[in-house]
Amino acid sequence: MPILDFRVRPRVEWFYRELVPDPIPAFKRYVTLYSAEERLTLTGWDASIAEMSAAGVTHGVIFAGDAAGNEHVFAALAAHPKTYVGLAGVRADLGVTAALKALEKAYATPGISGLNLSPFMTGVYATDARNYPLYALSEDRGKCVLIHASAHYNPNQPLDLGDPMQVDRLAVHFPRLKLVIAHGGYGFGDLGPTIANRHDNVFIDWSGIHPRHLPPTTLGWINGPLAKKSLFGTNYPCLPYDIVEAWRERIKPANQPDFFYGNAARLLGLETEPRES
């Protein structure tokens, strides 16, 4: 069974630039909370892909946070098109017109399936009007938008930048836009799953979360109403790839093909049954 990890960072210089040699303040707490020190070394592309493959992970979603980062994602997709899918990053707070042009360029690049927004990094709420042209373009192009809508540990930004209610408002305003609540809305109780269940166009990824930390009610959402909307992810290096086995124990066998691959493949416009590399 193929496995698509919805959020990964390959162990190469650019993707680890905010973690190595010293984590930036926004990520410092994450390293401690996830005991990620042993995964904070650069190993290169081949080793990164081999590490994924050893755990059965066949595909990974990589991402940028701004237009400059997109160039690195473009290069990675060109070099490893069978392994990685990309999400672009743009900063509307630095200029709406420039951000829109950067996103248009990204959407014309093979392998880019959507937009990644991390309000806890930029300090700009997902519902800020400056982001709306980006959503309109994404909706028009059939792309998805992944929003960090969960608790965060950036000490320099308020917690409500991750409030999943922002995704609820966006779903009302953009009913055809494929929206993804990142990290399960963790820290906000059942709000994330409730919003994903409420809107046909809202999905939810469970990246960076060990299932042992989820209550039975949340696992009930994943195995029940959200079985066709839940997406597996590690947020590597937060969690190692072998977290796959912990999730296998908690996802019903009938739901596993969708949870580990099918839901994400349909969302990103990939083959639902990929050819062997």
Foldseek 3Di string as FASTA:
>chain_A
DEFEAEAEQFQACPSLVCPPPHHDLQCNVLCVVLVLVVVNHRDDDVVSCVQLVVLRHQAYEYEDAALVVLVVVLVVCVVCVRHYAYAYHHDLVVPLVVRLVSVVVSLVGPRHQYHEYECQVVVDACLPPSCVVVQVVQLVSLGAYEYAQAAGDNPVYDRRSNPCVSVLVVCVVRVSHQYEHEQQNYPPPCPSLVSQLVHVRYAYENELDQCVPDDPVVLCSCQPSRLLRYEYHHNPPSPRSNSVVSVVVSHPPVSVLRHRAQSVCVSRVHDSDDDDD
